[in-house]
Amino acid sequence: MSIVKEFREFIARGNVIDLAVGVIIGAAFNGIVKSLVDQVIMPPIGLLTGGLDFSKLEWVLRAEDPGTEAIEKVAIQYGAFINTLIQFFIVAAVVFLLVKLVNQIRRADAAEPAPEAPAAPTPEEKLLTEIRDLLAKPAVAAVVPAAAEKPAPAAKAAAAPKAPPKAAPAKKPAAPRKPKG
């Protein structure tokens, strides 16, 4: 099997396409969350902290030397890390709420019992139903014409079991005769 054919089969699977859609939506959602944190959540927090901009908070390990043109400043930018943590917690909260919603829907579906087909009647129930149906019918006249009572000779012969043919009675041996004379 060629690599192109295998790749086509791999991509055509439903799970891969669902994953791709999820990644694309996740990337778009990441942009929304970043904007929410940087432009909506952090400015009021900065205002409460005295105009502090979290994205510019850093620990300088080595200061920049103004005499050289190269950037020599080495700093740990923990403010940007705090912004990233806030973004992560927002995404985690949204994902948690989505999973919780899906679980509630699944529990609701599982709680509703599926309509069950009635169980097949047992042989005893079938027999009782037949008896009930026979008793519910109106009684048939007890007088039956005499012609109907006697079966036809062919029917009688067919209905009666045939007995095995009887053997002829055995003859008694004749007594010896006396000679004449």
N, C-alpha and C. Protein backbone atom coordinates (compact mmCIF):
# COMPACT_ATOMS: atom_id res chain seq x y z
N MET A 1 0.86 -1.17 0.00
CA MET A 1 0.00 0.00 0.00
C MET A 1 0.90 1.23 0.00
N SER A 2 0.59 2.17 -0.84
CA SER A 2 1.45 3.35 -0.95
C SER A 2 1.22 4.28 0.24
N ILE A 3 2.19 5.10 0.49
CA ILE A 3 2.12 6.04 1.61
C ILE A 3 0.99 7.02 1.40
N VAL A 4 0.77 7.46 0.18
CA VAL A 4 -0.30 8.41 -0.11
C VAL A 4 -1.66 7.79 0.20
N LYS A 5 -1.84 6.53 -0.19
CA LYS A 5 -3.11 5.84 0.06
C LYS A 5 -3.33 5.66 1.57
N GLU A 6 -2.29 5.27 2.30
CA GLU A 6 -2.41 5.12 3.76
C GLU A 6 -2.74 6.46 4.41
N PHE A 7 -2.07 7.52 3.94
CA PHE A 7 -2.32 8.84 4.51
C PHE A 7 -3.76 9.27 4.23
N ARG A 8 -4.26 8.99 3.04
CA ARG A 8 -5.64 9.35 2.70
C ARG A 8 -6.63 8.61 3.60
N GLU A 9 -6.39 7.33 3.86
CA GLU A 9 -7.26 6.56 4.76
C GLU A 9 -7.19 7.10 6.18
N PHE A 10 -5.99 7.48 6.61
CA PHE A 10 -5.80 8.02 7.96
C PHE A 10 -6.57 9.33 8.13
N ILE A 11 -6.48 10.19 7.13
CA ILE A 11 -7.15 11.49 7.22
C ILE A 11 -8.66 11.33 7.12
N ALA A 12 -9.13 10.35 6.37
CA ALA A 12 -10.57 10.17 6.17
C ALA A 12 -11.28 9.62 7.39
N ARG A 13 -10.55 9.12 8.37
CA ARG A 13 -11.19 8.61 9.58
C ARG A 13 -11.90 9.75 10.31
N GLY A 14 -13.01 9.46 10.91
CA GLY A 14 -13.80 10.49 11.60
C GLY A 14 -13.08 11.12 12.77
N ASN A 15 -12.33 10.33 13.54
CA ASN A 15 -11.66 10.86 14.73
C ASN A 15 -10.61 11.90 14.35
N VAL A 16 -9.88 11.69 13.28
CA VAL A 16 -8.83 12.63 12.88
C VAL A 16 -9.46 13.95 12.46
N ILE A 17 -10.55 13.88 11.73
CA ILE A 17 -11.22 15.11 11.30
C ILE A 17 -11.78 15.85 12.51
N ASP A 18 -12.38 15.13 13.45
CA ASP A 18 -12.89 15.76 14.67
C ASP A 18 -11.75 16.42 15.45
N LEU A 19 -10.61 15.75 15.52
CA LEU A 19 -9.46 16.31 16.22
C LEU A 19 -8.99 17.58 15.54
N ALA A 20 -8.94 17.58 14.21
CA ALA A 20 -8.50 18.76 13.48
C ALA A 20 -9.45 19.93 13.72
N VAL A 21 -10.74 19.67 13.71
CA VAL A 21 -11.71 20.72 13.99
C VAL A 21 -11.51 21.26 15.40
N GLY A 22 -11.27 20.35 16.36
CA GLY A 22 -11.05 20.78 17.74
C GLY A 22 -9.81 21.64 17.88
N VAL A 23 -8.75 21.29 17.19
CA VAL A 23 -7.51 22.08 17.27
C VAL A 23 -7.73 23.46 16.67
N ILE A 24 -8.42 23.54 15.55
CA ILE A 24 -8.68 24.84 14.91
C ILE A 24 -9.54 25.71 15.81
N ILE A 25 -10.60 25.14 16.37
CA ILE A 25 -11.46 25.91 17.27
C ILE A 25 -10.69 26.30 18.52
N GLY A 26 -9.83 25.40 19.03
CA GLY A 26 -9.02 25.71 20.20
C GLY A 26 -8.06 26.86 19.94
N ALA A 27 -7.47 26.91 18.76
CA ALA A 27 -6.56 28.01 18.42
C ALA A 27 -7.32 29.33 18.37
N ALA A 28 -8.51 29.30 17.79
CA ALA A 28 -9.32 30.53 17.75
C ALA A 28 -9.74 30.93 19.16
N PHE A 29 -10.08 29.95 19.97
CA PHE A 29 -10.49 30.22 21.35
C PHE A 29 -9.32 30.79 22.14
N ASN A 30 -8.11 30.33 21.86
CA ASN A 30 -6.92 30.85 22.53
C ASN A 30 -6.78 32.35 22.27
N GLY A 31 -7.01 32.80 21.04
CA GLY A 31 -6.94 34.23 20.72
C GLY A 31 -7.98 35.03 21.50
N ILE A 32 -9.17 34.46 21.62
CA ILE A 32 -10.24 35.13 22.38
C ILE A 32 -9.84 35.25 23.85
N VAL A 33 -9.32 34.17 24.42
CA VAL A 33 -8.94 34.19 25.83
C VAL A 33 -7.78 35.16 26.07
N LYS A 34 -6.82 35.18 25.16
CA LYS A 34 -5.68 36.10 25.31
C LYS A 34 -6.17 37.55 25.31
N SER A 35 -7.07 37.85 24.41
CA SER A 35 -7.63 39.20 24.36
C SER A 35 -8.41 39.51 25.64
N LEU A 36 -9.17 38.52 26.12
CA LEU A 36 -9.94 38.71 27.35
C LEU A 36 -9.02 39.02 28.53
N VAL A 37 -7.94 38.27 28.65
CA VAL A 37 -7.03 38.48 29.78
C VAL A 37 -6.28 39.80 29.64
N ASP A 38 -5.68 40.05 28.47
CA ASP A 38 -4.84 41.23 28.30
C ASP A 38 -5.64 42.53 28.30
N GLN A 39 -6.83 42.51 27.71
CA GLN A 39 -7.54 43.77 27.50
C GLN A 39 -8.75 43.97 28.40
N VAL A 40 -9.23 42.90 29.07
CA VAL A 40 -10.43 43.06 29.90
C VAL A 40 -10.13 42.78 31.37
N ILE A 41 -9.45 41.68 31.66
CA ILE A 41 -9.25 41.28 33.07
C ILE A 41 -8.07 42.02 33.71
N MET A 42 -6.94 42.09 33.03
CA MET A 42 -5.73 42.64 33.65
C MET A 42 -5.78 44.17 33.86
N PRO A 43 -6.39 44.97 32.97
CA PRO A 43 -6.43 46.41 33.27
C PRO A 43 -7.12 46.76 34.60
N PRO A 44 -8.30 46.16 34.93
CA PRO A 44 -8.86 46.49 36.25
C PRO A 44 -7.98 46.00 37.41
N ILE A 45 -7.33 44.82 37.23
CA ILE A 45 -6.44 44.33 38.28
C ILE A 45 -5.25 45.28 38.42
N GLY A 46 -4.72 45.76 37.30
CA GLY A 46 -3.64 46.75 37.35
C GLY A 46 -4.08 48.04 38.02
N LEU A 47 -5.30 48.45 37.77
CA LEU A 47 -5.84 49.66 38.40
C LEU A 47 -5.95 49.48 39.91
N LEU A 48 -6.39 48.28 40.34
CA LEU A 48 -6.49 48.00 41.78
C LEU A 48 -5.12 47.94 42.44
N THR A 49 -4.10 47.57 41.69
CA THR A 49 -2.75 47.46 42.25
C THR A 49 -1.94 48.74 42.04
N GLY A 50 -2.60 49.83 41.69
CA GLY A 50 -1.89 51.10 41.56
C GLY A 50 -1.33 51.32 40.18
N GLY A 51 -1.98 50.88 39.13
CA GLY A 51 -1.54 51.11 37.76
C GLY A 51 -0.43 50.17 37.31
N LEU A 52 -0.32 49.05 37.97
CA LEU A 52 0.73 48.08 37.66
C LEU A 52 0.33 47.27 36.42
N ASP A 53 1.23 47.18 35.44
CA ASP A 53 0.99 46.38 34.25
C ASP A 53 1.70 45.04 34.45
N PHE A 54 0.92 43.97 34.62
CA PHE A 54 1.48 42.66 34.92
C PHE A 54 2.39 42.15 33.81
N SER A 55 2.08 42.49 32.57
CA SER A 55 2.88 41.96 31.47
C SER A 55 4.31 42.50 31.46
N LYS A 56 4.55 43.61 32.18
CA LYS A 56 5.90 44.19 32.21
C LYS A 56 6.64 43.88 33.51
N LEU A 57 6.05 43.07 34.38
CA LEU A 57 6.75 42.71 35.61
C LEU A 57 7.86 41.72 35.29
N GLU A 58 9.05 41.97 35.86
CA GLU A 58 10.18 41.10 35.59
C GLU A 58 11.23 41.23 36.68
N TRP A 59 12.03 40.19 36.81
CA TRP A 59 13.21 40.22 37.69
C TRP A 59 14.43 40.32 36.78
N VAL A 60 15.14 41.37 36.91
CA VAL A 60 16.31 41.58 36.06
C VAL A 60 17.49 40.86 36.68
N LEU A 61 18.06 39.94 35.93
CA LEU A 61 19.23 39.20 36.39
C LEU A 61 20.52 39.93 36.00
N ARG A 62 20.51 40.52 34.82
CA ARG A 62 21.65 41.30 34.38
C ARG A 62 21.10 42.51 33.63
N ALA A 63 21.47 43.67 34.10
CA ALA A 63 20.97 44.91 33.51
C ALA A 63 21.62 45.16 32.16
N GLU A 64 20.93 45.94 31.37
CA GLU A 64 21.43 46.28 30.04
C GLU A 64 22.48 47.38 30.17
N ASP A 65 23.52 47.23 29.43
CA ASP A 65 24.60 48.23 29.45
C ASP A 65 24.29 49.26 28.36
N PRO A 66 24.06 50.52 28.75
CA PRO A 66 23.72 51.51 27.74
C PRO A 66 24.86 51.82 26.77
N GLY A 67 26.07 51.43 27.09
CA GLY A 67 27.22 51.74 26.23
C GLY A 67 27.33 50.81 25.04
N THR A 68 26.65 49.69 25.03
CA THR A 68 26.75 48.76 23.91
C THR A 68 25.43 48.71 23.16
N GLU A 69 25.52 48.35 21.90
CA GLU A 69 24.29 48.29 21.10
C GLU A 69 23.57 46.95 21.26
N ALA A 70 24.26 45.93 21.64
CA ALA A 70 23.65 44.60 21.77
C ALA A 70 22.74 44.59 23.00
N ILE A 71 21.68 43.81 22.90
CA ILE A 71 20.75 43.67 24.03
C ILE A 71 21.37 42.66 24.97
N GLU A 72 21.74 43.14 26.13
CA GLU A 72 22.39 42.28 27.11
C GLU A 72 21.50 42.00 28.31
N LYS A 73 20.35 42.60 28.34
CA LYS A 73 19.48 42.46 29.49
C LYS A 73 18.99 41.02 29.60
N VAL A 74 19.11 40.46 30.80
CA VAL A 74 18.60 39.12 31.08
C VAL A 74 17.62 39.27 32.23
N ALA A 75 16.34 38.84 31.99
CA ALA A 75 15.32 39.03 33.02
C ALA A 75 14.33 37.86 32.99
N ILE A 76 13.77 37.60 34.14
CA ILE A 76 12.68 36.62 34.26
C ILE A 76 11.39 37.42 34.25
N GLN A 77 10.58 37.21 33.22
CA GLN A 77 9.35 37.99 33.06
C GLN A 77 8.18 37.25 33.70
N TYR A 78 8.07 37.37 35.01
CA TYR A 78 7.03 36.66 35.72
C TYR A 78 5.66 37.27 35.52
N GLY A 79 5.59 38.52 35.11
CA GLY A 79 4.29 39.15 34.83
C GLY A 79 3.62 38.50 33.62
N ALA A 80 4.40 38.22 32.59
CA ALA A 80 3.85 37.53 31.42
C ALA A 80 3.42 36.12 31.80
N PHE A 81 4.20 35.51 32.71
CA PHE A 81 3.83 34.17 33.17
C PHE A 81 2.52 34.21 33.96
N ILE A 82 2.31 35.25 34.76
CA ILE A 82 1.04 35.39 35.49
C ILE A 82 -0.11 35.54 34.51
N ASN A 83 0.08 36.34 33.46
CA ASN A 83 -0.96 36.48 32.43
C ASN A 83 -1.27 35.13 31.78
N THR A 84 -0.23 34.35 31.48
CA THR A 84 -0.42 33.03 30.87
C THR A 84 -1.15 32.09 31.82
N LEU A 85 -0.81 32.15 33.12
CA LEU A 85 -1.54 31.33 34.10
C LEU A 85 -3.02 31.70 34.15
N ILE A 86 -3.30 32.99 34.12
CA ILE A 86 -4.71 33.42 34.13
C ILE A 86 -5.42 32.91 32.88
N GLN A 87 -4.75 33.00 31.73
CA GLN A 87 -5.34 32.47 30.49
C GLN A 87 -5.62 30.97 30.62
N PHE A 88 -4.64 30.24 31.20
CA PHE A 88 -4.81 28.80 31.37
C PHE A 88 -6.02 28.49 32.25
N PHE A 89 -6.16 29.22 33.37
CA PHE A 89 -7.28 28.95 34.28
C PHE A 89 -8.62 29.28 33.63
N ILE A 90 -8.65 30.28 32.78
CA ILE A 90 -9.89 30.59 32.07
C ILE A 90 -10.24 29.46 31.10
N VAL A 91 -9.24 29.01 30.34
CA VAL A 91 -9.48 27.90 29.40
C VAL A 91 -9.89 26.65 30.16
N ALA A 92 -9.20 26.36 31.28
CA ALA A 92 -9.53 25.16 32.06
C ALA A 92 -10.95 25.25 32.61
N ALA A 93 -11.36 26.43 33.06
CA ALA A 93 -12.72 26.59 33.59
C ALA A 93 -13.76 26.38 32.48
N VAL A 94 -13.49 26.91 31.30
CA VAL A 94 -14.44 26.75 30.19
C VAL A 94 -14.53 25.29 29.77
N VAL A 95 -13.39 24.62 29.68
CA VAL A 95 -13.39 23.20 29.31
C VAL A 95 -14.11 22.38 30.38
N PHE A 96 -13.87 22.70 31.67
CA PHE A 96 -14.56 22.00 32.75
C PHE A 96 -16.07 22.17 32.63
N LEU A 97 -16.51 23.39 32.36
CA LEU A 97 -17.96 23.62 32.23
C LEU A 97 -18.54 22.86 31.03
N LEU A 98 -17.78 22.79 29.93
CA LEU A 98 -18.26 22.04 28.77
C LEU A 98 -18.36 20.54 29.09
N VAL A 99 -17.35 20.00 29.76
CA VAL A 99 -17.38 18.58 30.11
C VAL A 99 -18.50 18.30 31.09
N LYS A 100 -18.70 19.23 32.04
CA LYS A 100 -19.79 19.06 33.01
C LYS A 100 -21.15 19.06 32.30
N LEU A 101 -21.32 19.94 31.33
CA LEU A 101 -22.57 19.99 30.56
C LEU A 101 -22.80 18.69 29.80
N VAL A 102 -21.75 18.18 29.14
CA VAL A 102 -21.87 16.93 28.40
C VAL A 102 -22.20 15.78 29.34
N ASN A 103 -21.58 15.73 30.51
CA ASN A 103 -21.86 14.67 31.49
C ASN A 103 -23.30 14.74 31.98
N GLN A 104 -23.82 15.95 32.20
CA GLN A 104 -25.22 16.09 32.64
C GLN A 104 -26.16 15.58 31.56
N ILE A 105 -25.85 15.88 30.31
CA ILE A 105 -26.70 15.40 29.21
C ILE A 105 -26.66 13.88 29.14
N ARG A 106 -25.46 13.30 29.29
CA ARG A 106 -25.33 11.84 29.25
C ARG A 106 -26.08 11.21 30.41
N ARG A 107 -25.98 11.79 31.61
CA ARG A 107 -26.71 11.23 32.77
C ARG A 107 -28.21 11.31 32.56
N ALA A 108 -28.68 12.41 31.99
CA ALA A 108 -30.11 12.55 31.73
C ALA A 108 -30.57 11.50 30.73
N ASP A 109 -29.77 11.25 29.71
CA ASP A 109 -30.12 10.21 28.74
C ASP A 109 -30.10 8.83 29.38
N ALA A 110 -29.13 8.58 30.26
CA ALA A 110 -29.04 7.27 30.91
C ALA A 110 -30.15 7.09 31.93
N ALA A 111 -30.62 8.17 32.55
CA ALA A 111 -31.67 8.07 33.57
C ALA A 111 -33.02 7.73 32.94
N GLU A 112 -33.25 8.17 31.73
CA GLU A 112 -34.50 7.86 31.06
C GLU A 112 -34.44 6.43 30.55
N PRO A 113 -35.26 5.55 31.13
CA PRO A 113 -35.22 4.17 30.66
C PRO A 113 -35.77 4.08 29.24
N ALA A 114 -35.10 3.33 28.44
CA ALA A 114 -35.55 3.12 27.06
C ALA A 114 -36.84 2.30 27.09
N PRO A 115 -37.79 2.64 26.24
CA PRO A 115 -39.02 1.86 26.23
C PRO A 115 -38.71 0.41 25.85
N GLU A 116 -39.12 -0.47 26.74
CA GLU A 116 -38.84 -1.88 26.53
C GLU A 116 -40.00 -2.53 25.78
N ALA A 117 -39.65 -3.41 24.89
CA ALA A 117 -40.68 -4.18 24.18
C ALA A 117 -41.28 -5.16 25.18
N PRO A 118 -42.59 -5.39 25.08
CA PRO A 118 -43.18 -6.34 26.01
C PRO A 118 -42.55 -7.72 25.85
N ALA A 119 -42.36 -8.37 26.96
CA ALA A 119 -41.74 -9.68 26.94
C ALA A 119 -42.66 -10.68 26.26
N ALA A 120 -42.09 -11.62 25.57
CA ALA A 120 -42.89 -12.65 24.90
C ALA A 120 -43.60 -13.48 25.96
N PRO A 121 -44.87 -13.82 25.69
CA PRO A 121 -45.59 -14.61 26.70
C PRO A 121 -44.98 -16.00 26.85
N THR A 122 -45.03 -16.48 28.07
CA THR A 122 -44.52 -17.82 28.34
C THR A 122 -45.49 -18.84 27.76
N PRO A 123 -45.08 -20.09 27.61
CA PRO A 123 -46.01 -21.11 27.08
C PRO A 123 -47.26 -21.23 27.94
N GLU A 124 -47.11 -21.08 29.24
CA GLU A 124 -48.27 -21.17 30.12
C GLU A 124 -49.23 -20.02 29.84
N GLU A 125 -48.70 -18.82 29.64
CA GLU A 125 -49.56 -17.67 29.33
C GLU A 125 -50.26 -17.86 27.99
N LYS A 126 -49.56 -18.42 27.00
CA LYS A 126 -50.18 -18.69 25.71
C LYS A 126 -51.35 -19.65 25.86
N LEU A 127 -51.15 -20.71 26.64
CA LEU A 127 -52.20 -21.70 26.85
C LEU A 127 -53.40 -21.07 27.56
N LEU A 128 -53.14 -20.27 28.58
CA LEU A 128 -54.23 -19.60 29.29
C LEU A 128 -54.97 -18.63 28.38
N THR A 129 -54.26 -17.97 27.49
CA THR A 129 -54.90 -17.05 26.55
C THR A 129 -55.81 -17.83 25.60
N GLU A 130 -55.34 -18.97 25.12
CA GLU A 130 -56.17 -19.79 24.24
C GLU A 130 -57.42 -20.27 24.96
N ILE A 131 -57.28 -20.70 26.21
CA ILE A 131 -58.44 -21.16 26.98
C ILE A 131 -59.42 -20.01 27.17
N ARG A 132 -58.92 -18.84 27.51
CA ARG A 132 -59.79 -17.67 27.69
C ARG A 132 -60.53 -17.36 26.40
N ASP A 133 -59.82 -17.40 25.27
CA ASP A 133 -60.46 -17.10 23.99
C ASP A 133 -61.54 -18.13 23.66
N LEU A 134 -61.27 -19.41 23.96
CA LEU A 134 -62.28 -20.45 23.70
C LEU A 134 -63.50 -20.28 24.60
N LEU A 135 -63.30 -19.90 25.83
CA LEU A 135 -64.42 -19.70 26.74
C LEU A 135 -65.22 -18.46 26.37
N ALA A 136 -64.60 -17.50 25.74
CA ALA A 136 -65.28 -16.27 25.37
C ALA A 136 -66.17 -16.45 24.15
N LYS A 137 -65.91 -17.47 23.34
CA LYS A 137 -66.74 -17.72 22.15
C LYS A 137 -68.12 -18.19 22.59
N PRO A 138 -69.20 -17.85 21.81
CA PRO A 138 -70.54 -18.35 22.16
C PRO A 138 -70.60 -19.86 21.98
N ALA A 139 -71.42 -20.52 22.81
CA ALA A 139 -71.52 -21.98 22.78
C ALA A 139 -72.10 -22.43 21.45
N VAL A 140 -71.58 -23.50 20.87
CA VAL A 140 -72.05 -24.05 19.60
C VAL A 140 -73.18 -25.01 19.93
N ALA A 141 -74.19 -25.10 19.04
CA ALA A 141 -75.34 -25.97 19.28
C ALA A 141 -74.88 -27.40 19.53
N ALA A 142 -75.48 -28.04 20.54
CA ALA A 142 -75.06 -29.38 20.92
C ALA A 142 -75.63 -30.44 19.99
N VAL A 143 -76.74 -30.13 19.29
CA VAL A 143 -77.36 -31.12 18.41
C VAL A 143 -76.65 -31.06 17.07
N VAL A 144 -76.12 -32.21 16.69
CA VAL A 144 -75.44 -32.30 15.41
C VAL A 144 -76.22 -33.31 14.58
N PRO A 145 -76.47 -33.05 13.30
CA PRO A 145 -77.23 -34.00 12.49
C PRO A 145 -76.54 -35.37 12.48
N ALA A 146 -77.39 -36.42 12.39
CA ALA A 146 -76.89 -37.79 12.45
C ALA A 146 -75.93 -38.08 11.30
N ALA A 147 -76.17 -37.51 10.14
CA ALA A 147 -75.30 -37.78 9.00
C ALA A 147 -73.90 -37.25 9.27
N ALA A 148 -73.85 -36.19 10.00
CA ALA A 148 -72.54 -35.60 10.28
C ALA A 148 -71.80 -36.41 11.33
N GLU A 149 -72.56 -37.17 12.15
CA GLU A 149 -71.89 -37.94 13.21
C GLU A 149 -71.15 -39.13 12.65
N LYS A 150 -71.74 -39.80 11.63
CA LYS A 150 -71.11 -41.00 11.09
C LYS A 150 -70.07 -40.60 10.05
N PRO A 151 -68.89 -41.06 10.24
CA PRO A 151 -67.89 -40.74 9.22
C PRO A 151 -68.13 -41.57 7.98
N ALA A 152 -67.71 -41.06 6.87
CA ALA A 152 -67.84 -41.79 5.61
C ALA A 152 -67.03 -43.07 5.70
N PRO A 153 -67.44 -44.13 4.95
CA PRO A 153 -66.72 -45.40 5.04
C PRO A 153 -65.24 -45.25 4.71
N ALA A 154 -64.89 -44.45 3.73
CA ALA A 154 -63.48 -44.30 3.38
C ALA A 154 -62.74 -43.60 4.52
N ALA A 155 -63.41 -42.62 5.10
CA ALA A 155 -62.79 -41.90 6.21
C ALA A 155 -62.67 -42.82 7.41
N LYS A 156 -63.71 -43.67 7.62
CA LYS A 156 -63.67 -44.58 8.75
C LYS A 156 -62.54 -45.57 8.58
N ALA A 157 -62.40 -46.09 7.35
CA ALA A 157 -61.33 -47.06 7.10
C ALA A 157 -59.97 -46.40 7.27
N ALA A 158 -59.87 -45.15 6.85
CA ALA A 158 -58.58 -44.46 6.97
C ALA A 158 -58.29 -44.11 8.41
N ALA A 159 -59.36 -43.84 9.17
CA ALA A 159 -59.16 -43.42 10.55
C ALA A 159 -58.85 -44.60 11.45
N ALA A 160 -59.44 -45.77 11.14
CA ALA A 160 -59.23 -46.93 12.02
C ALA A 160 -57.89 -47.56 11.70
N PRO A 161 -57.12 -47.85 12.73
CA PRO A 161 -55.84 -48.50 12.45
C PRO A 161 -56.07 -49.93 12.00
N LYS A 162 -55.26 -50.35 11.07
CA LYS A 162 -55.41 -51.69 10.54
C LYS A 162 -54.72 -52.66 11.48
N ALA A 163 -55.44 -53.76 11.78
CA ALA A 163 -54.86 -54.79 12.64
C ALA A 163 -54.07 -55.74 11.75
N PRO A 164 -53.06 -56.34 12.29
CA PRO A 164 -52.30 -57.29 11.47
C PRO A 164 -53.20 -58.47 11.10
N PRO A 165 -53.00 -59.05 9.92
CA PRO A 165 -53.85 -60.17 9.49
C PRO A 165 -53.71 -61.34 10.47
N LYS A 166 -54.87 -61.95 10.73
CA LYS A 166 -54.87 -63.07 11.67
C LYS A 166 -54.39 -64.32 10.95
N ALA A 167 -53.63 -65.08 11.67
CA ALA A 167 -53.13 -66.33 11.10
C ALA A 167 -54.26 -67.37 11.16
N ALA A 168 -54.30 -68.24 10.19
CA ALA A 168 -55.33 -69.29 10.17
C ALA A 168 -55.09 -70.22 11.35
N PRO A 169 -56.19 -70.70 11.97
CA PRO A 169 -55.99 -71.57 13.13
C PRO A 169 -55.25 -72.84 12.71
N ALA A 170 -54.41 -73.25 13.57
CA ALA A 170 -53.62 -74.45 13.27
C ALA A 170 -54.53 -75.68 13.30
N LYS A 171 -54.34 -76.62 12.36
CA LYS A 171 -55.17 -77.84 12.32
C LYS A 171 -54.63 -78.83 13.33
N LYS A 172 -55.60 -79.52 13.91
CA LYS A 172 -55.21 -80.56 14.86
C LYS A 172 -54.72 -81.76 14.06
N PRO A 173 -53.71 -82.39 14.56
CA PRO A 173 -53.28 -83.59 13.82
C PRO A 173 -54.39 -84.66 13.85
N ALA A 174 -54.58 -85.25 12.75
CA ALA A 174 -55.64 -86.27 12.64
C ALA A 174 -55.25 -87.52 13.45
N ALA A 175 -56.27 -88.09 14.04
CA ALA A 175 -56.02 -89.30 14.84
C ALA A 175 -55.69 -90.44 13.87
N PRO A 176 -54.86 -91.34 14.27
CA PRO A 176 -54.51 -92.43 13.36
C PRO A 176 -55.77 -93.28 13.06
N ARG A 177 -55.92 -93.70 11.87
CA ARG A 177 -57.08 -94.49 11.47
C ARG A 177 -56.76 -95.97 11.60
N LYS A 178 -57.78 -96.61 11.89
CA LYS A 178 -57.62 -98.07 12.00
C LYS A 178 -57.78 -98.65 10.61
N PRO A 179 -56.98 -99.59 10.34
CA PRO A 179 -57.09 -100.20 9.01
C PRO A 179 -58.40 -100.99 8.91
N LYS A 180 -58.91 -101.07 7.75
CA LYS A 180 -60.16 -101.81 7.51
C LYS A 180 -59.83 -103.27 7.34
N GLY A 181 -60.43 -103.90 7.87
CA GLY A 181 -60.15 -105.26 7.56
C GLY A 181 -60.24 -106.28 8.47
